[in-house]
């Protein structure tokens, strides 16, 4: 699947039928996130978000809702944890990524990670 097909396919997810538990038990995730992880080879992104939960939950504003934005420039990337659209809590630089899209945002609310279209 090329990046345009992936981008289009992701917009078609609205709600979810299944919830999948991340192996760390840090959260559940939706059909759309599972599709993204499968088709973009991005289980590492879910693992990164899970690994950052202890850090994120130290911030009282991130306990109920988190936005995770991955931005890719060439083969480098940045994963930012946001309290809302313009309020960055922290970020991690990625020296290498092969993620196919220039940008993706995922939301984590009430223990469920989901695509914006699934919210």
PDB file of N, CA and C in Angstrom:
ATOM      1  N   UNK A   1       0.852  -1.179   0.000  1.00  0.00           N
ATOM      2  CA  UNK A   1       0.000   0.000   0.000  1.00  0.00           C
ATOM      3  C   UNK A   1       0.894   1.238   0.000  1.00  0.00           C
ATOM      4  N   UNK A   2       0.685   2.127  -0.975  1.00  0.00           N
ATOM      5  CA  UNK A   2       1.499   3.345  -0.991  1.00  0.00           C
ATOM      6  C   UNK A   2       0.914   4.368  -0.015  1.00  0.00           C
ATOM      7  N   UNK A   3       1.644   5.467   0.167  1.00  0.00           N
ATOM      8  CA  UNK A   3       1.249   6.419   1.208  1.00  0.00           C
ATOM      9  C   UNK A   3      -0.080   7.102   0.928  1.00  0.00           C
ATOM     10  N   UNK A   4      -0.415   7.345  -0.322  1.00  0.00           N
ATOM     11  CA  UNK A   4      -1.717   7.965  -0.619  1.00  0.00           C
ATOM     12  C   UNK A   4      -2.862   6.999  -0.340  1.00  0.00           C
ATOM     13  N   UNK A   5      -2.674   5.733  -0.682  1.00  0.00           N
ATOM     14  CA  UNK A   5      -3.686   4.715  -0.369  1.00  0.00           C
ATOM     15  C   UNK A   5      -3.857   4.582   1.145  1.00  0.00           C
ATOM     16  N   UNK A   6      -2.752   4.614   1.871  1.00  0.00           N
ATOM     17  CA  UNK A   6      -2.800   4.533   3.327  1.00  0.00           C
ATOM     18  C   UNK A   6      -3.538   5.733   3.904  1.00  0.00           C
ATOM     19  N   UNK A   7      -3.180   6.921   3.457  1.00  0.00           N
ATOM     20  CA  UNK A   7      -3.816   8.144   3.953  1.00  0.00           C
ATOM     21  C   UNK A   7      -5.333   8.101   3.709  1.00  0.00           C
ATOM     22  N   UNK A   8      -5.740   7.697   2.531  1.00  0.00           N
ATOM     23  CA  UNK A   8      -7.158   7.602   2.195  1.00  0.00           C
ATOM     24  C   UNK A   8      -7.851   6.539   3.043  1.00  0.00           C
ATOM     25  N   UNK A   9      -7.221   5.384   3.187  1.00  0.00           N
ATOM     26  CA  UNK A   9      -7.814   4.301   3.980  1.00  0.00           C
ATOM     27  C   UNK A   9      -8.025   4.722   5.431  1.00  0.00           C
ATOM     28  N   UNK A  10      -7.098   5.482   5.989  1.00  0.00           N
ATOM     29  CA  UNK A  10      -7.207   5.908   7.386  1.00  0.00           C
ATOM     30  C   UNK A  10      -8.397   6.845   7.610  1.00  0.00           C
ATOM     31  N   UNK A  11      -8.764   7.621   6.604  1.00  0.00           N
ATOM     32  CA  UNK A  11      -9.890   8.551   6.758  1.00  0.00           C
ATOM     33  C   UNK A  11     -11.228   7.826   6.803  1.00  0.00           C
ATOM     34  N   UNK A  12     -11.261   6.579   6.392  1.00  0.00           N
ATOM     35  CA  UNK A  12     -12.512   5.824   6.336  1.00  0.00           C
ATOM     36  C   UNK A  12     -12.901   5.190   7.670  1.00  0.00           C
ATOM     37  N   UNK A  13     -12.013   5.237   8.643  1.00  0.00           N
ATOM     38  CA  UNK A  13     -12.334   4.662   9.954  1.00  0.00           C
ATOM     39  C   UNK A  13     -13.159   5.654  10.751  1.00  0.00           C
ATOM     40  N   UNK A  14     -14.320   5.198  11.196  1.00  0.00           N
ATOM     41  CA  UNK A  14     -15.208   6.014  12.030  1.00  0.00           C
ATOM     42  C   UNK A  14     -15.752   5.090  13.119  1.00  0.00           C
ATOM     43  N   UNK A  15     -15.240   5.239  14.320  1.00  0.00           N
ATOM     44  CA  UNK A  15     -15.618   4.302  15.369  1.00  0.00           C
ATOM     45  C   UNK A  15     -14.819   3.018  15.217  1.00  0.00           C
ATOM     46  N   UNK A  16     -15.119   2.056  16.074  1.00  0.00           N
ATOM     47  CA  UNK A  16     -14.398   0.780  16.031  1.00  0.00           C
ATOM     48  C   UNK A  16     -15.327  -0.347  16.436  1.00  0.00           C
ATOM     49  N   UNK A  17     -15.040  -1.526  15.967  1.00  0.00           N
ATOM     50  CA  UNK A  17     -15.769  -2.724  16.376  1.00  0.00           C
ATOM     51  C   UNK A  17     -14.962  -3.464  17.437  1.00  0.00           C
ATOM     52  N   UNK A  18     -13.656  -3.506  17.242  1.00  0.00           N
ATOM     53  CA  UNK A  18     -12.766  -4.245  18.138  1.00  0.00           C
ATOM     54  C   UNK A  18     -11.847  -3.308  18.904  1.00  0.00           C
ATOM     55  N   UNK A  19     -11.474  -3.748  20.083  1.00  0.00           N
ATOM     56  CA  UNK A  19     -10.451  -3.073  20.878  1.00  0.00           C
ATOM     57  C   UNK A  19      -9.340  -4.086  21.129  1.00  0.00           C
ATOM     58  N   UNK A  20      -8.115  -3.669  20.888  1.00  0.00           N
ATOM     59  CA  UNK A  20      -6.958  -4.532  21.052  1.00  0.00           C
ATOM     60  C   UNK A  20      -6.160  -4.024  22.238  1.00  0.00           C
ATOM     61  N   UNK A  21      -5.670  -4.926  23.063  1.00  0.00           N
ATOM     62  CA  UNK A  21      -4.869  -4.520  24.209  1.00  0.00           C
ATOM     63  C   UNK A  21      -3.403  -4.494  23.799  1.00  0.00           C
ATOM     64  N   UNK A  22      -2.739  -3.366  24.058  1.00  0.00           N
ATOM     65  CA  UNK A  22      -1.305  -3.293  23.803  1.00  0.00           C
ATOM     66  C   UNK A  22      -0.616  -4.298  24.715  1.00  0.00           C
ATOM     67  N   UNK A  23       0.439  -4.908  24.249  1.00  0.00           N
ATOM     68  CA  UNK A  23       1.094  -5.970  25.013  1.00  0.00           C
ATOM     69  C   UNK A  23       1.599  -5.511  26.377  1.00  0.00           C
ATOM     70  N   UNK A  24       1.847  -4.209  26.547  1.00  0.00           N
ATOM     71  CA  UNK A  24       2.291  -3.695  27.851  1.00  0.00           C
ATOM     72  C   UNK A  24       1.122  -3.444  28.795  1.00  0.00           C
ATOM     73  N   UNK A  25      -0.086  -3.539  28.262  1.00  0.00           N
ATOM     74  CA  UNK A  25      -1.322  -3.259  28.998  1.00  0.00           C
ATOM     75  C   UNK A  25      -1.475  -1.779  29.351  1.00  0.00           C
ATOM     76  N   UNK A  26      -0.701  -0.923  28.675  1.00  0.00           N
ATOM     77  CA  UNK A  26      -0.775   0.516  28.937  1.00  0.00           C
ATOM     78  C   UNK A  26      -2.065   1.126  28.406  1.00  0.00           C
ATOM     79  N   UNK A  27      -2.642   0.533  27.360  1.00  0.00           N
ATOM     80  CA  UNK A  27      -3.873   1.037  26.757  1.00  0.00           C
ATOM     81  C   UNK A  27      -4.449  -0.009  25.814  1.00  0.00           C
ATOM     82  N   UNK A  28      -5.664   0.249  25.373  1.00  0.00           N
ATOM     83  CA  UNK A  28      -6.283  -0.507  24.287  1.00  0.00           C
ATOM     84  C   UNK A  28      -6.200   0.379  23.047  1.00  0.00           C
ATOM     85  N   UNK A  29      -6.362  -0.224  21.871  1.00  0.00           N
ATOM     86  CA  UNK A  29      -6.387   0.576  20.652  1.00  0.00           C
ATOM     87  C   UNK A  29      -7.444   0.037  19.700  1.00  0.00           C
ATOM     88  N   UNK A  30      -7.815   0.867  18.762  1.00  0.00           N
ATOM     89  CA  UNK A  30      -8.962   0.624  17.886  1.00  0.00           C
ATOM     90  C   UNK A  30      -8.567  -0.090  16.591  1.00  0.00           C
ATOM     91  N   UNK A  31      -9.604  -0.409  15.809  1.00  0.00           N
ATOM     92  CA  UNK A  31      -9.398  -1.009  14.495  1.00  0.00           C
ATOM     93  C   UNK A  31      -8.530  -0.115  13.601  1.00  0.00           C
ATOM     94  N   UNK A  32      -8.767   1.188  13.640  1.00  0.00           N
ATOM     95  CA  UNK A  32      -7.996   2.116  12.809  1.00  0.00           C
ATOM     96  C   UNK A  32      -6.529   2.140  13.178  1.00  0.00           C
ATOM     97  N   UNK A  33      -6.233   2.129  14.470  1.00  0.00           N
ATOM     98  CA  UNK A  33      -4.841   2.109  14.919  1.00  0.00           C
ATOM     99  C   UNK A  33      -4.194   0.773  14.562  1.00  0.00           C
ATOM    100  N   UNK A  34      -4.935  -0.313  14.687  1.00  0.00           N
ATOM    101  CA  UNK A  34      -4.409  -1.627  14.285  1.00  0.00           C
ATOM    102  C   UNK A  34      -4.100  -1.642  12.792  1.00  0.00           C
ATOM    103  N   UNK A  35      -4.982  -1.060  11.993  1.00  0.00           N
ATOM    104  CA  UNK A  35      -4.766  -0.974  10.544  1.00  0.00           C
ATOM    105  C   UNK A  35      -3.506  -0.158  10.251  1.00  0.00           C
ATOM    106  N   UNK A  36      -3.357   0.972  10.914  1.00  0.00           N
ATOM    107  CA  UNK A  36      -2.162   1.812  10.739  1.00  0.00           C
ATOM    108  C   UNK A  36      -0.902   1.031  11.089  1.00  0.00           C
ATOM    109  N   UNK A  37      -0.912   0.383  12.252  1.00  0.00           N
ATOM    110  CA  UNK A  37       0.272  -0.366  12.688  1.00  0.00           C
ATOM    111  C   UNK A  37       0.621  -1.485  11.703  1.00  0.00           C
ATOM    112  N   UNK A  38      -0.403  -2.190  11.217  1.00  0.00           N
ATOM    113  CA  UNK A  38      -0.178  -3.285  10.267  1.00  0.00           C
ATOM    114  C   UNK A  38       0.335  -2.780   8.924  1.00  0.00           C
ATOM    115  N   UNK A  39      -0.286  -1.742   8.398  1.00  0.00           N
ATOM    116  CA  UNK A  39      -0.001  -1.302   7.023  1.00  0.00           C
ATOM    117  C   UNK A  39       1.126  -0.288   6.907  1.00  0.00           C
ATOM    118  N   UNK A  40       1.524   0.311   8.014  1.00  0.00           N
ATOM    119  CA  UNK A  40       2.644   1.253   7.987  1.00  0.00           C
ATOM    120  C   UNK A  40       3.852   0.698   8.739  1.00  0.00           C
ATOM    121  N   UNK A  41       3.745  -0.536   9.215  1.00  0.00           N
ATOM    122  CA  UNK A  41       4.843  -1.104   9.996  1.00  0.00           C
ATOM    123  C   UNK A  41       5.117  -0.262  11.222  1.00  0.00           C
ATOM    124  N   UNK A  42       4.053   0.138  11.908  1.00  0.00           N
ATOM    125  CA  UNK A  42       4.200   1.140  12.972  1.00  0.00           C
ATOM    126  C   UNK A  42       3.865   0.628  14.367  1.00  0.00           C
ATOM    127  N   UNK A  43       4.054  -0.658  14.615  1.00  0.00           N
ATOM    128  CA  UNK A  43       3.865  -1.131  15.994  1.00  0.00           C
ATOM    129  C   UNK A  43       4.870  -0.466  16.924  1.00  0.00           C
ATOM    130  N   UNK A  44       6.018  -0.059  16.390  1.00  0.00           N
ATOM    131  CA  UNK A  44       7.004   0.669  17.184  1.00  0.00           C
ATOM    132  C   UNK A  44       6.427   1.972  17.731  1.00  0.00           C
ATOM    133  N   UNK A  45       5.529   2.605  16.971  1.00  0.00           N
ATOM    134  CA  UNK A  45       4.912   3.851  17.426  1.00  0.00           C
ATOM    135  C   UNK A  45       4.018   3.585  18.635  1.00  0.00           C
ATOM    136  N   UNK A  46       3.249   2.517  18.595  1.00  0.00           N
ATOM    137  CA  UNK A  46       2.414   2.137  19.734  1.00  0.00           C
ATOM    138  C   UNK A  46       3.294   1.817  20.940  1.00  0.00           C
ATOM    139  N   UNK A  47       4.400   1.115  20.692  1.00  0.00           N
ATOM    140  CA  UNK A  47       5.330   0.786  21.781  1.00  0.00           C
ATOM    141  C   UNK A  47       5.919   2.054  22.392  1.00  0.00           C
ATOM    142  N   UNK A  48       6.238   3.036  21.558  1.00  0.00           N
ATOM    143  CA  UNK A  48       6.798   4.289  22.054  1.00  0.00           C
ATOM    144  C   UNK A  48       5.772   5.015  22.930  1.00  0.00           C
ATOM    145  N   UNK A  49       4.546   5.087  22.463  1.00  0.00           N
ATOM    146  CA  UNK A  49       3.486   5.748  23.238  1.00  0.00           C
ATOM    147  C   UNK A  49       3.286   5.025  24.561  1.00  0.00           C
ATOM    148  N   UNK A  50       3.284   3.705  24.532  1.00  0.00           N
ATOM    149  CA  UNK A  50       3.134   2.924  25.769  1.00  0.00           C
ATOM    150  C   UNK A  50       4.295   3.199  26.732  1.00  0.00           C
ATOM    151  N   UNK A  51       5.502   3.240  26.192  1.00  0.00           N
ATOM    152  CA  UNK A  51       6.685   3.467  27.023  1.00  0.00           C
ATOM    153  C   UNK A  51       6.685   4.853  27.665  1.00  0.00           C
ATOM    154  N   UNK A  52       6.015   5.810  27.052  1.00  0.00           N
ATOM    155  CA  UNK A  52       5.988   7.179  27.560  1.00  0.00           C
ATOM    156  C   UNK A  52       4.826   7.446  28.531  1.00  0.00           C
ATOM    157  N   UNK A  53       4.011   6.444  28.808  1.00  0.00           N
ATOM    158  CA  UNK A  53       2.845   6.677  29.658  1.00  0.00           C
ATOM    159  C   UNK A  53       3.201   7.078  31.084  1.00  0.00           C
ATOM    160  N   UNK A  54       4.223   6.508  31.648  1.00  0.00           N
ATOM    161  CA  UNK A  54       4.621   6.892  33.007  1.00  0.00           C
ATOM    162  C   UNK A  54       4.995   8.373  33.046  1.00  0.00           C
ATOM    163  N   UNK A  55       5.761   8.796  32.057  1.00  0.00           N
ATOM    164  CA  UNK A  55       6.154  10.210  31.963  1.00  0.00           C
ATOM    165  C   UNK A  55       4.935  11.099  31.730  1.00  0.00           C
ATOM    166  N   UNK A  56       4.061  10.709  30.809  1.00  0.00           N
ATOM    167  CA  UNK A  56       2.892  11.523  30.474  1.00  0.00           C
ATOM    168  C   UNK A  56       1.950  11.662  31.661  1.00  0.00           C
ATOM    169  N   UNK A  57       1.737  10.597  32.386  1.00  0.00           N
ATOM    170  CA  UNK A  57       0.749  10.628  33.474  1.00  0.00           C
ATOM    171  C   UNK A  57       1.222  11.389  34.707  1.00  0.00           C
ATOM    172  N   UNK A  58       2.494  11.784  34.720  1.00  0.00           N
ATOM    173  CA  UNK A  58       2.960  12.676  35.787  1.00  0.00           C
ATOM    174  C   UNK A  58       2.339  14.068  35.643  1.00  0.00           C
ATOM    175  N   UNK A  59       1.917  14.382  34.436  1.00  0.00           N
ATOM    176  CA  UNK A  59       1.273  15.663  34.138  1.00  0.00           C
ATOM    177  C   UNK A  59      -0.238  15.475  34.314  1.00  0.00           C
ATOM    178  N   UNK A  60      -0.834  16.148  35.263  1.00  0.00           N
ATOM    179  CA  UNK A  60      -2.257  15.949  35.569  1.00  0.00           C
ATOM    180  C   UNK A  60      -3.154  16.211  34.361  1.00  0.00           C
ATOM    181  N   UNK A  61      -2.742  17.091  33.463  1.00  0.00           N
ATOM    182  CA  UNK A  61      -3.551  17.385  32.280  1.00  0.00           C
ATOM    183  C   UNK A  61      -3.505  16.271  31.235  1.00  0.00           C
ATOM    184  N   UNK A  62      -2.548  15.358  31.364  1.00  0.00           N
ATOM    185  CA  UNK A  62      -2.416  14.266  30.394  1.00  0.00           C
ATOM    186  C   UNK A  62      -3.006  12.947  30.884  1.00  0.00           C
ATOM    187  N   UNK A  63      -3.570  12.944  32.073  1.00  0.00           N
ATOM    188  CA  UNK A  63      -4.109  11.692  32.615  1.00  0.00           C
ATOM    189  C   UNK A  63      -5.381  11.254  31.914  1.00  0.00           C
ATOM    190  N   UNK A  64      -6.184  12.192  31.450  1.00  0.00           N
ATOM    191  CA  UNK A  64      -7.447  11.853  30.788  1.00  0.00           C
ATOM    192  C   UNK A  64      -7.332  11.871  29.261  1.00  0.00           C
ATOM    193  N   UNK A  65      -6.516  12.781  28.725  1.00  0.00           N
ATOM    194  CA  UNK A  65      -6.418  12.938  27.275  1.00  0.00           C
ATOM    195  C   UNK A  65      -4.991  13.284  26.877  1.00  0.00           C
ATOM    196  N   UNK A  66      -4.521  12.615  25.797  1.00  0.00           N
ATOM    197  CA  UNK A  66      -3.219  12.903  25.216  1.00  0.00           C
ATOM    198  C   UNK A  66      -3.359  12.886  23.698  1.00  0.00           C
ATOM    199  N   UNK A  67      -2.697  13.799  23.043  1.00  0.00           N
ATOM    200  CA  UNK A  67      -2.569  13.764  21.583  1.00  0.00           C
ATOM    201  C   UNK A  67      -1.107  13.431  21.290  1.00  0.00           C
ATOM    202  N   UNK A  68      -0.893  12.488  20.383  1.00  0.00           N
ATOM    203  CA  UNK A  68       0.454  12.080  19.991  1.00  0.00           C
ATOM    204  C   UNK A  68       0.635  12.386  18.518  1.00  0.00           C
ATOM    205  N   UNK A  69       1.572  13.266  18.223  1.00  0.00           N
ATOM    206  CA  UNK A  69       1.796  13.698  16.846  1.00  0.00           C
ATOM    207  C   UNK A  69       3.185  13.268  16.395  1.00  0.00           C
ATOM    208  N   UNK A  70       3.214  12.470  15.339  1.00  0.00           N
ATOM    209  CA  UNK A  70       4.467  12.067  14.715  1.00  0.00           C
ATOM    210  C   UNK A  70       4.635  12.895  13.450  1.00  0.00           C
ATOM    211  N   UNK A  71       5.763  13.582  13.354  1.00  0.00           N
ATOM    212  CA  UNK A  71       6.101  14.374  12.175  1.00  0.00           C
ATOM    213  C   UNK A  71       7.393  13.812  11.597  1.00  0.00           C
ATOM    214  N   UNK A  72       7.374  13.556  10.291  1.00  0.00           N
ATOM    215  CA  UNK A  72       8.523  12.949   9.617  1.00  0.00           C
ATOM    216  C   UNK A  72       9.086  13.926   8.589  1.00  0.00           C
ATOM    217  N   UNK A  73      10.408  14.057   8.610  1.00  0.00           N
ATOM    218  CA  UNK A  73      11.115  14.881   7.637  1.00  0.00           C
ATOM    219  C   UNK A  73      12.262  14.024   7.100  1.00  0.00           C
ATOM    220  N   UNK A  74      12.085  13.496   5.904  1.00  0.00           N
ATOM    221  CA  UNK A  74      13.086  12.583   5.341  1.00  0.00           C
ATOM    222  C   UNK A  74      13.074  11.281   6.120  1.00  0.00           C
ATOM    223  N   UNK A  75      14.214  10.957   6.729  1.00  0.00           N
ATOM    224  CA  UNK A  75      14.300   9.737   7.540  1.00  0.00           C
ATOM    225  C   UNK A  75      14.360  10.041   9.031  1.00  0.00           C
ATOM    226  N   UNK A  76      14.133  11.293   9.396  1.00  0.00           N
ATOM    227  CA  UNK A  76      14.131  11.698  10.809  1.00  0.00           C
ATOM    228  C   UNK A  76      12.708  12.024  11.223  1.00  0.00           C
ATOM    229  N   UNK A  77      12.455  11.924  12.515  1.00  0.00           N
ATOM    230  CA  UNK A  77      11.113  12.212  12.984  1.00  0.00           C
ATOM    231  C   UNK A  77      11.096  12.813  14.370  1.00  0.00           C
ATOM    232  N   UNK A  78       9.927  13.308  14.726  1.00  0.00           N
ATOM    233  CA  UNK A  78       9.678  13.852  16.052  1.00  0.00           C
ATOM    234  C   UNK A  78       8.323  13.320  16.513  1.00  0.00           C
ATOM    235  N   UNK A  79       8.298  12.789  17.724  1.00  0.00           N
ATOM    236  CA  UNK A  79       7.037  12.380  18.339  1.00  0.00           C
ATOM    237  C   UNK A  79       6.784  13.350  19.480  1.00  0.00           C
ATOM    238  N   UNK A  80       5.666  14.066  19.394  1.00  0.00           N
ATOM    239  CA  UNK A  80       5.318  15.044  20.427  1.00  0.00           C
ATOM    240  C   UNK A  80       4.057  14.596  21.152  1.00  0.00           C
ATOM    241  N   UNK A  81       4.080  14.727  22.460  1.00  0.00           N
ATOM    242  CA  UNK A  81       2.901  14.486  23.284  1.00  0.00           C
ATOM    243  C   UNK A  81       2.286  15.848  23.594  1.00  0.00           C
ATOM    244  N   UNK A  82       1.018  16.007  23.223  1.00  0.00           N
ATOM    245  CA  UNK A  82       0.345  17.295  23.367  1.00  0.00           C
ATOM    246  C   UNK A  82      -0.820  17.208  24.348  1.00  0.00           C
ATOM    247  N   UNK A  83      -0.996  18.279  25.098  1.00  0.00           N
ATOM    248  CA  UNK A  83      -2.169  18.381  25.981  1.00  0.00           C
ATOM    249  C   UNK A  83      -3.403  18.745  25.155  1.00  0.00           C
ATOM    250  N   UNK A  84      -3.200  19.566  24.169  1.00  0.00           N
ATOM    251  CA  UNK A  84      -4.210  19.909  23.169  1.00  0.00           C
ATOM    252  C   UNK A  84      -3.456  20.349  21.918  1.00  0.00           C
ATOM    253  N   UNK A  85      -4.146  20.894  20.956  1.00  0.00           N
ATOM    254  CA  UNK A  85      -3.551  21.171  19.644  1.00  0.00           C
ATOM    255  C   UNK A  85      -2.226  21.930  19.686  1.00  0.00           C
ATOM    256  N   UNK A  86      -2.111  22.931  20.539  1.00  0.00           N
ATOM    257  CA  UNK A  86      -0.922  23.785  20.541  1.00  0.00           C
ATOM    258  C   UNK A  86      -0.133  23.756  21.848  1.00  0.00           C
ATOM    259  N   UNK A  87      -0.419  22.808  22.727  1.00  0.00           N
ATOM    260  CA  UNK A  87       0.229  22.773  24.033  1.00  0.00           C
ATOM    261  C   UNK A  87       1.071  21.501  24.164  1.00  0.00           C
ATOM    262  N   UNK A  88       2.326  21.592  23.747  1.00  0.00           N
ATOM    263  CA  UNK A  88       3.223  20.438  23.776  1.00  0.00           C
ATOM    264  C   UNK A  88       3.734  20.193  25.189  1.00  0.00           C
ATOM    265  N   UNK A  89       3.580  18.958  25.660  1.00  0.00           N
ATOM    266  CA  UNK A  89       4.083  18.575  26.978  1.00  0.00           C
ATOM    267  C   UNK A  89       5.551  18.160  26.887  1.00  0.00           C
ATOM    268  N   UNK A  90       5.865  17.322  25.896  1.00  0.00           N
ATOM    269  CA  UNK A  90       7.238  16.899  25.665  1.00  0.00           C
ATOM    270  C   UNK A  90       7.349  16.291  24.274  1.00  0.00           C
ATOM    271  N   UNK A  91       8.584  16.078  23.851  1.00  0.00           N
ATOM    272  CA  UNK A  91       8.843  15.504  22.522  1.00  0.00           C
ATOM    273  C   UNK A  91      10.055  14.609  22.572  1.00  0.00           C
ATOM    274  N   UNK A  92      10.109  13.701  21.615  1.00  0.00           N
ATOM    275  CA  UNK A  92      11.263  12.832  21.441  1.00  0.00           C
ATOM    276  C   UNK A  92      11.700  12.896  19.983  1.00  0.00           C
ATOM    277  N   UNK A  93      12.985  13.068  19.788  1.00  0.00           N
ATOM    278  CA  UNK A  93      13.561  13.094  18.448  1.00  0.00           C
ATOM    279  C   UNK A  93      13.865  11.657  18.015  1.00  0.00           C
ATOM    280  N   UNK A  94      13.551  11.342  16.775  1.00  0.00           N
ATOM    281  CA  UNK A  94      13.862  10.032  16.213  1.00  0.00           C
ATOM    282  C   UNK A  94      14.973  10.207  15.182  1.00  0.00           C
ATOM    283  N   UNK A  95      16.141   9.621  15.406  1.00  0.00           N
ATOM    284  CA  UNK A  95      17.221   9.775  14.440  1.00  0.00           C
ATOM    285  C   UNK A  95      16.940   9.052  13.120  1.00  0.00           C
ATOM    286  N   UNK A  96      16.038   8.037  13.167  1.00  0.00           N
ATOM    287  CA  UNK A  96      15.666   7.339  11.947  1.00  0.00           C
ATOM    288  C   UNK A  96      14.232   6.841  12.060  1.00  0.00           C
ATOM    289  N   UNK A  97      13.473   7.002  10.983  1.00  0.00           N
ATOM    290  CA  UNK A  97      12.167   6.375  10.857  1.00  0.00           C
ATOM    291  C   UNK A  97      11.890   6.112   9.381  1.00  0.00           C
ATOM    292  N   UNK A  98      11.160   5.046   9.131  1.00  0.00           N
ATOM    293  CA  UNK A  98      10.722   4.759   7.769  1.00  0.00           C
ATOM    294  C   UNK A  98       9.195   4.880   7.669  1.00  0.00           C
ATOM    295  N   UNK A  99       8.597   5.596   8.617  1.00  0.00           N
ATOM    296  CA  UNK A  99       7.150   5.790   8.594  1.00  0.00           C
ATOM    297  C   UNK A  99       6.776   6.473   7.278  1.00  0.00           C
ATOM    298  N   UNK A 100       5.759   5.955   6.573  1.00  0.00           N
ATOM    299  CA  UNK A 100       5.492   6.435   5.213  1.00  0.00           C
ATOM    300  C   UNK A 100       4.803   7.794   5.091  1.00  0.00           C
ATOM    301  N   UNK A 101       4.134   8.255   6.129  1.00  0.00           N
ATOM    302  CA  UNK A 101       3.407   9.529   6.050  1.00  0.00           C
ATOM    303  C   UNK A 101       4.235  10.652   6.656  1.00  0.00           C
ATOM    304  N   UNK A 102       4.010  11.862   6.190  1.00  0.00           N
ATOM    305  CA  UNK A 102       4.728  13.020   6.718  1.00  0.00           C
ATOM    306  C   UNK A 102       4.257  13.374   8.124  1.00  0.00           C
ATOM    307  N   UNK A 103       3.017  12.964   8.442  1.00  0.00           N
ATOM    308  CA  UNK A 103       2.461  13.332   9.749  1.00  0.00           C
ATOM    309  C   UNK A 103       1.285  12.425  10.078  1.00  0.00           C
ATOM    310  N   UNK A 104       1.153  12.110  11.361  1.00  0.00           N
ATOM    311  CA  UNK A 104      -0.023  11.384  11.858  1.00  0.00           C
ATOM    312  C   UNK A 104      -0.247  11.823  13.302  1.00  0.00           C
ATOM    313  N   UNK A 105      -1.497  11.952  13.684  1.00  0.00           N
ATOM    314  CA  UNK A 105      -1.849  12.251  15.065  1.00  0.00           C
ATOM    315  C   UNK A 105      -2.762  11.153  15.573  1.00  0.00           C
ATOM    316  N   UNK A 106      -2.478  10.686  16.766  1.00  0.00           N
ATOM    317  CA  UNK A 106      -3.310   9.704  17.450  1.00  0.00           C
ATOM    318  C   UNK A 106      -3.737  10.301  18.778  1.00  0.00           C
ATOM    319  N   UNK A 107      -4.915   9.919  19.234  1.00  0.00           N
ATOM    320  CA  UNK A 107      -5.424  10.398  20.517  1.00  0.00           C
ATOM    321  C   UNK A 107      -5.509   9.243  21.499  1.00  0.00           C
ATOM    322  N   UNK A 108      -5.176   9.523  22.742  1.00  0.00           N
ATOM    323  CA  UNK A 108      -5.311   8.552  23.821  1.00  0.00           C
ATOM    324  C   UNK A 108      -6.232   9.162  24.871  1.00  0.00           C
ATOM    325  N   UNK A 109      -7.398   8.551  25.010  1.00  0.00           N
ATOM    326  CA  UNK A 109      -8.388   9.065  25.949  1.00  0.00           C
ATOM    327  C   UNK A 109      -9.045   7.892  26.659  1.00  0.00           C
ATOM    328  N   UNK A 110      -9.153   8.018  27.968  1.00  0.00           N
ATOM    329  CA  UNK A 110      -9.790   6.974  28.784  1.00  0.00           C
ATOM    330  C   UNK A 110      -9.212   5.592  28.490  1.00  0.00           C
ATOM    331  N   UNK A 111      -7.908   5.517  28.272  1.00  0.00           N
ATOM    332  CA  UNK A 111      -7.238   4.233  28.084  1.00  0.00           C
ATOM    333  C   UNK A 111      -7.376   3.639  26.681  1.00  0.00           C
ATOM    334  N   UNK A 112      -7.862   4.422  25.709  1.00  0.00           N
ATOM    335  CA  UNK A 112      -8.018   3.923  24.336  1.00  0.00           C
ATOM    336  C   UNK A 112      -7.266   4.843  23.370  1.00  0.00           C
ATOM    337  N   UNK A 113      -6.406   4.257  22.551  1.00  0.00           N
ATOM    338  CA  UNK A 113      -5.668   4.981  21.520  1.00  0.00           C
ATOM    339  C   UNK A 113      -6.461   4.869  20.216  1.00  0.00           C
ATOM    340  N   UNK A 114      -6.725   6.013  19.567  1.00  0.00           N
ATOM    341  CA  UNK A 114      -7.558   6.006  18.372  1.00  0.00           C
ATOM    342  C   UNK A 114      -7.144   7.084  17.371  1.00  0.00           C
ATOM    343  N   UNK A 115      -7.607   6.885  16.119  1.00  0.00           N
ATOM    344  CA  UNK A 115      -7.378   7.861  15.067  1.00  0.00           C
ATOM    345  C   UNK A 115      -8.341   9.045  15.259  1.00  0.00           C
ATOM    346  N   UNK A 116      -7.981  10.225  14.777  1.00  0.00           N
ATOM    347  CA  UNK A 116      -8.907  11.368  14.877  1.00  0.00           C
ATOM    348  C   UNK A 116     -10.276  11.076  14.277  1.00  0.00           C
ATOM    349  N   UNK A 117     -10.338  10.335  13.178  1.00  0.00           N
ATOM    350  CA  UNK A 117     -11.623  10.035  12.531  1.00  0.00           C
ATOM    351  C   UNK A 117     -12.481   9.072  13.350  1.00  0.00           C
ATOM    352  N   UNK A 118     -11.878   8.411  14.330  1.00  0.00           N
ATOM    353  CA  UNK A 118     -12.619   7.468  15.159  1.00  0.00           C
ATOM    354  C   UNK A 118     -13.176   8.110  16.425  1.00  0.00           C
ATOM    355  N   UNK A 119     -12.846   9.371  16.650  1.00  0.00           N
ATOM    356  CA  UNK A 119     -13.228  10.046  17.880  1.00  0.00           C
ATOM    357  C   UNK A 119     -14.646  10.530  17.937  1.00  0.00           C
TER     358      UNK A 119
END
